[in-house]
Amino acid sequence: MAGMHYLSQEGFDRLRAELDELKTNGRARVASAIAEAREKGDLSENAEYDAAKDAQGLLEMKINELEKVMANARVLDSSQLDTSKVTVMSKVTIQNVKNKAELVYHLVAESEADLKAKKISVNSPMGQGLLGKKVGDIAEVKTPNGSIKFKIKNISI
């Protein structure tokens, strides 16, 4: 069985909407493309038909993956989370020990990660380095260019 997927209510609702969209409109588009390609004649040499069938396979695989995530999803209530240490859904203010630059990241599930919005996955190297740390702790994050040390300045939800 796959591991738990901890999501915010917003992330859960977004995944549910995406799954519903793929099951209805996505399947309808693929079925239409297959029917259109089938009308063009001999299926043994029909590249459009092969491409449409491949698209159908990829769509069904995506639907299956989303259903697995939804089946193992646990929606976290941010009001009940502990802010004494870094956990999923924590908003963490960190300071680079070397250059004193401060950054604020929101740790989220992998499916909700969005670097532009400063939302990083708890499974990323940065997320792994920060998990479980408390204010004042030094987190060492391993990167391809070596380790970087960050001081935990603040933890909030």
C-alpha atoms as a PDB file:
ATOM      1  CA  MET A   1       0.000   0.000   0.000  1.00  0.00           C
ATOM      2  CA  ALA A   2       1.254   3.477  -0.829  1.00  0.00           C
ATOM      3  CA  GLY A   3       2.114   5.906   1.961  1.00  0.00           C
ATOM      4  CA  MET A   4      -0.235   8.531   3.290  1.00  0.00           C
ATOM      5  CA  HIS A   5      -0.646  11.760   1.376  1.00  0.00           C
ATOM      6  CA  TYR A   6      -1.197  14.667   3.738  1.00  0.00           C
ATOM      7  CA  LEU A   7      -3.058  17.472   2.013  1.00  0.00           C
ATOM      8  CA  SER A   8      -4.618  20.795   2.868  1.00  0.00           C
ATOM      9  CA  GLN A   9      -8.335  21.109   2.204  1.00  0.00           C
ATOM     10  CA  GLU A  10      -7.495  23.327  -0.779  1.00  0.00           C
ATOM     11  CA  GLY A  11      -5.121  20.711  -2.215  1.00  0.00           C
ATOM     12  CA  PHE A  12      -7.660  17.925  -1.677  1.00  0.00           C
ATOM     13  CA  ASP A  13     -10.398  19.925  -3.417  1.00  0.00           C
ATOM     14  CA  ARG A  14      -8.059  20.713  -6.333  1.00  0.00           C
ATOM     15  CA  LEU A  15      -7.165  17.026  -6.760  1.00  0.00           C
ATOM     16  CA  ARG A  16     -10.837  16.028  -6.601  1.00  0.00           C
ATOM     17  CA  ALA A  17     -11.694  18.604  -9.301  1.00  0.00           C
ATOM     18  CA  GLU A  18      -8.825  17.421 -11.515  1.00  0.00           C
ATOM     19  CA  LEU A  19      -9.901  13.792 -11.138  1.00  0.00           C
ATOM     20  CA  ASP A  20     -13.516  14.641 -11.973  1.00  0.00           C
ATOM     21  CA  GLU A  21     -12.380  16.630 -15.023  1.00  0.00           C
ATOM     22  CA  LEU A  22     -10.251  13.759 -16.322  1.00  0.00           C
ATOM     23  CA  LYS A  23     -12.993  11.186 -15.781  1.00  0.00           C
ATOM     24  CA  THR A  24     -15.638  13.204 -17.600  1.00  0.00           C
ATOM     25  CA  ASN A  25     -14.249  15.630 -20.180  1.00  0.00           C
ATOM     26  CA  GLY A  26     -10.863  13.893 -20.564  1.00  0.00           C
ATOM     27  CA  ARG A  27     -12.397  10.516 -21.320  1.00  0.00           C
ATOM     28  CA  ALA A  28     -14.945  12.116 -23.668  1.00  0.00           C
ATOM     29  CA  ARG A  29     -12.173  13.882 -25.647  1.00  0.00           C
ATOM     30  CA  VAL A  30     -10.153  10.668 -25.955  1.00  0.00           C
ATOM     31  CA  ALA A  31     -13.187   8.629 -27.005  1.00  0.00           C
ATOM     32  CA  SER A  32     -13.992  11.246 -29.636  1.00  0.00           C
ATOM     33  CA  ALA A  33     -10.409  11.170 -30.960  1.00  0.00           C
ATOM     34  CA  ILE A  34     -10.493   7.345 -31.169  1.00  0.00           C
ATOM     35  CA  ALA A  35     -13.841   7.396 -32.991  1.00  0.00           C
ATOM     36  CA  GLU A  36     -12.567  10.035 -35.421  1.00  0.00           C
ATOM     37  CA  ALA A  37      -9.409   8.048 -36.158  1.00  0.00           C
ATOM     38  CA  ARG A  38     -11.365   4.804 -36.540  1.00  0.00           C
ATOM     39  CA  GLU A  39     -13.474   6.401 -39.295  1.00  0.00           C
ATOM     40  CA  LYS A  40     -10.347   6.999 -41.368  1.00  0.00           C
ATOM     41  CA  GLY A  41     -10.012   3.396 -42.424  1.00  0.00           C
ATOM     42  CA  ASP A  42      -7.529   0.579 -41.919  1.00  0.00           C
ATOM     43  CA  LEU A  43      -6.542   0.490 -38.234  1.00  0.00           C
ATOM     44  CA  SER A  44      -3.335  -1.503 -38.833  1.00  0.00           C
ATOM     45  CA  GLU A  45      -1.690   1.482 -40.561  1.00  0.00           C
ATOM     46  CA  ASN A  46      -3.549   4.311 -38.857  1.00  0.00           C
ATOM     47  CA  ALA A  47      -1.110   6.483 -36.891  1.00  0.00           C
ATOM     48  CA  GLU A  48      -3.909   8.728 -35.610  1.00  0.00           C
ATOM     49  CA  TYR A  49      -5.674   5.710 -34.119  1.00  0.00           C
ATOM     50  CA  ASP A  50      -2.455   4.528 -32.450  1.00  0.00           C
ATOM     51  CA  ALA A  51      -1.837   8.016 -31.035  1.00  0.00           C
ATOM     52  CA  ALA A  52      -5.411   8.237 -29.730  1.00  0.00           C
ATOM     53  CA  LYS A  53      -5.108   4.816 -28.058  1.00  0.00           C
ATOM     54  CA  ASP A  54      -1.792   5.872 -26.497  1.00  0.00           C
ATOM     55  CA  ALA A  55      -3.450   9.053 -25.206  1.00  0.00           C
ATOM     56  CA  GLN A  56      -6.216   6.913 -23.735  1.00  0.00           C
ATOM     57  CA  GLY A  57      -3.667   4.742 -21.935  1.00  0.00           C
ATOM     58  CA  LEU A  58      -1.881   7.783 -20.505  1.00  0.00           C
ATOM     59  CA  LEU A  59      -5.186   9.313 -19.387  1.00  0.00           C
ATOM     60  CA  GLU A  60      -6.246   6.117 -17.618  1.00  0.00           C
ATOM     61  CA  MET A  61      -2.831   5.888 -15.947  1.00  0.00           C
ATOM     62  CA  LYS A  62      -3.175   9.492 -14.677  1.00  0.00           C
ATOM     63  CA  ILE A  63      -6.696   8.769 -13.397  1.00  0.00           C
ATOM     64  CA  ASN A  64      -5.414   5.649 -11.627  1.00  0.00           C
ATOM     65  CA  GLU A  65      -2.567   7.601  -9.971  1.00  0.00           C
ATOM     66  CA  LEU A  66      -4.934  10.334  -8.780  1.00  0.00           C
ATOM     67  CA  GLU A  67      -7.364   7.749  -7.413  1.00  0.00           C
ATOM     68  CA  LYS A  68      -4.518   6.163  -5.417  1.00  0.00           C
ATOM     69  CA  VAL A  69      -3.550   9.542  -3.975  1.00  0.00           C
ATOM     70  CA  MET A  70      -7.167  10.294  -3.090  1.00  0.00           C
ATOM     71  CA  ALA A  71      -7.606   6.874  -1.468  1.00  0.00           C
ATOM     72  CA  ASN A  72      -4.587   7.482   0.783  1.00  0.00           C
ATOM     73  CA  ALA A  73      -5.217  11.196   1.371  1.00  0.00           C
ATOM     74  CA  ARG A  74      -5.568  12.668   4.826  1.00  0.00           C
ATOM     75  CA  VAL A  75      -6.792  16.244   5.018  1.00  0.00           C
ATOM     76  CA  LEU A  76      -4.941  18.177   7.706  1.00  0.00           C
ATOM     77  CA  ASP A  77      -6.703  20.762   9.829  1.00  0.00           C
ATOM     78  CA  SER A  78      -4.207  23.606  10.197  1.00  0.00           C
ATOM     79  CA  SER A  79      -5.766  24.705  13.517  1.00  0.00           C
ATOM     80  CA  GLN A  80      -4.687  21.415  15.115  1.00  0.00           C
ATOM     81  CA  LEU A  81      -1.078  21.401  13.932  1.00  0.00           C
ATOM     82  CA  ASP A  82       1.843  21.788  16.320  1.00  0.00           C
ATOM     83  CA  THR A  83       4.006  24.867  15.680  1.00  0.00           C
ATOM     84  CA  SER A  84       6.790  23.827  18.065  1.00  0.00           C
ATOM     85  CA  LYS A  85       8.494  21.927  15.241  1.00  0.00           C
ATOM     86  CA  VAL A  86       8.437  21.884  11.450  1.00  0.00           C
ATOM     87  CA  THR A  87       5.746  19.577  10.019  1.00  0.00           C
ATOM     88  CA  VAL A  88       3.641  19.303   6.881  1.00  0.00           C
ATOM     89  CA  MET A  89       1.746  22.601   6.364  1.00  0.00           C
ATOM     90  CA  SER A  90       4.251  24.599   8.452  1.00  0.00           C
ATOM     91  CA  LYS A  91       5.301  28.012   7.212  1.00  0.00           C
ATOM     92  CA  VAL A  92       8.993  28.262   8.077  1.00  0.00           C
ATOM     93  CA  THR A  93      11.225  31.319   8.130  1.00  0.00           C
ATOM     94  CA  ILE A  94      14.839  30.270   7.678  1.00  0.00           C
ATOM     95  CA  GLN A  95      18.122  32.119   7.470  1.00  0.00           C
ATOM     96  CA  ASN A  96      21.100  30.966   5.461  1.00  0.00           C
ATOM     97  CA  VAL A  97      23.917  30.702   8.012  1.00  0.00           C
ATOM     98  CA  LYS A  98      26.590  31.661   5.464  1.00  0.00           C
ATOM     99  CA  ASN A  99      25.092  34.733   3.753  1.00  0.00           C
ATOM    100  CA  LYS A 100      22.335  35.653   6.282  1.00  0.00           C
ATOM    101  CA  ALA A 101      19.624  35.653   3.555  1.00  0.00           C
ATOM    102  CA  GLU A 102      16.136  34.975   4.960  1.00  0.00           C
ATOM    103  CA  LEU A 103      13.587  32.845   3.148  1.00  0.00           C
ATOM    104  CA  VAL A 104      10.031  31.806   3.978  1.00  0.00           C
ATOM    105  CA  TYR A 105       8.745  28.445   2.765  1.00  0.00           C
ATOM    106  CA  HIS A 106       5.470  26.639   3.232  1.00  0.00           C
ATOM    107  CA  LEU A 107       5.958  22.855   3.495  1.00  0.00           C
ATOM    108  CA  VAL A 108       3.243  20.967   1.635  1.00  0.00           C
ATOM    109  CA  ALA A 109       2.525  17.572   0.127  1.00  0.00           C
ATOM    110  CA  GLU A 110       4.282  16.737  -3.131  1.00  0.00           C
ATOM    111  CA  SER A 111       1.098  17.232  -5.166  1.00  0.00           C
ATOM    112  CA  GLU A 112       0.698  20.795  -3.830  1.00  0.00           C
ATOM    113  CA  ALA A 113       4.309  21.942  -4.327  1.00  0.00           C
ATOM    114  CA  ASP A 114       4.726  25.210  -6.230  1.00  0.00           C
ATOM    115  CA  LEU A 115       8.133  26.875  -5.960  1.00  0.00           C
ATOM    116  CA  LYS A 116       6.864  30.175  -7.382  1.00  0.00           C
ATOM    117  CA  ALA A 117       4.385  30.367  -4.488  1.00  0.00           C
ATOM    118  CA  LYS A 118       7.159  29.323  -2.039  1.00  0.00           C
ATOM    119  CA  LYS A 119       5.423  25.987  -1.400  1.00  0.00           C
ATOM    120  CA  ILE A 120       7.974  23.177  -1.221  1.00  0.00           C
ATOM    121  CA  SER A 121       7.382  19.458  -0.938  1.00  0.00           C
ATOM    122  CA  VAL A 122       8.180  17.729   2.341  1.00  0.00           C
ATOM    123  CA  ASN A 123       9.843  15.078   0.139  1.00  0.00           C
ATOM    124  CA  SER A 124      12.276  17.560  -1.424  1.00  0.00           C
ATOM    125  CA  PRO A 125      15.821  17.821  -0.045  1.00  0.00           C
ATOM    126  CA  MET A 126      14.924  21.175   1.565  1.00  0.00           C
ATOM    127  CA  GLY A 127      11.713  19.770   3.037  1.00  0.00           C
ATOM    128  CA  GLN A 128      13.507  16.703   4.384  1.00  0.00           C
ATOM    129  CA  GLY A 129      16.185  18.907   5.952  1.00  0.00           C
ATOM    130  CA  LEU A 130      13.628  21.119   7.705  1.00  0.00           C
ATOM    131  CA  LEU A 131      11.172  18.466   8.964  1.00  0.00           C
ATOM    132  CA  GLY A 132      11.209  17.994  12.721  1.00  0.00           C
ATOM    133  CA  LYS A 133      13.408  21.028  13.432  1.00  0.00           C
ATOM    134  CA  LYS A 134      12.521  23.618  16.108  1.00  0.00           C
ATOM    135  CA  VAL A 135      13.070  27.374  16.281  1.00  0.00           C
ATOM    136  CA  GLY A 136      16.779  28.006  16.793  1.00  0.00           C
ATOM    137  CA  ASP A 137      17.859  24.655  15.311  1.00  0.00           C
ATOM    138  CA  ILE A 138      20.294  24.468  12.422  1.00  0.00           C
ATOM    139  CA  ALA A 139      19.007  22.459   9.451  1.00  0.00           C
ATOM    140  CA  GLU A 140      21.601  21.026   7.090  1.00  0.00           C
ATOM    141  CA  VAL A 141      20.266  20.596   3.570  1.00  0.00           C
ATOM    142  CA  LYS A 142      22.229  18.442   1.161  1.00  0.00           C
ATOM    143  CA  THR A 143      22.337  19.812  -2.369  1.00  0.00           C
ATOM    144  CA  PRO A 144      24.263  18.703  -5.465  1.00  0.00           C
ATOM    145  CA  ASN A 145      26.743  21.522  -4.733  1.00  0.00           C
ATOM    146  CA  GLY A 146      27.267  20.485  -1.107  1.00  0.00           C
ATOM    147  CA  SER A 147      25.505  21.086   2.178  1.00  0.00           C
ATOM    148  CA  ILE A 148      23.858  24.379   3.093  1.00  0.00           C
ATOM    149  CA  LYS A 149      23.034  25.273   6.690  1.00  0.00           C
ATOM    150  CA  PHE A 150      19.891  27.164   7.630  1.00  0.00           C
ATOM    151  CA  LYS A 151      18.828  28.476  11.018  1.00  0.00           C
ATOM    152  CA  ILE A 152      15.125  28.071  11.834  1.00  0.00           C
ATOM    153  CA  LYS A 153      13.892  31.582  12.724  1.00  0.00           C
ATOM    154  CA  ASN A 154      10.121  31.066  12.953  1.00  0.00           C
ATOM    155  CA  ILE A 155       7.473  28.376  12.526  1.00  0.00           C
ATOM    156  CA  SER A 156       3.811  29.219  11.896  1.00  0.00           C
ATOM    157  CA  ILE A 157       0.780  27.759  10.182  1.00  0.00           C
END
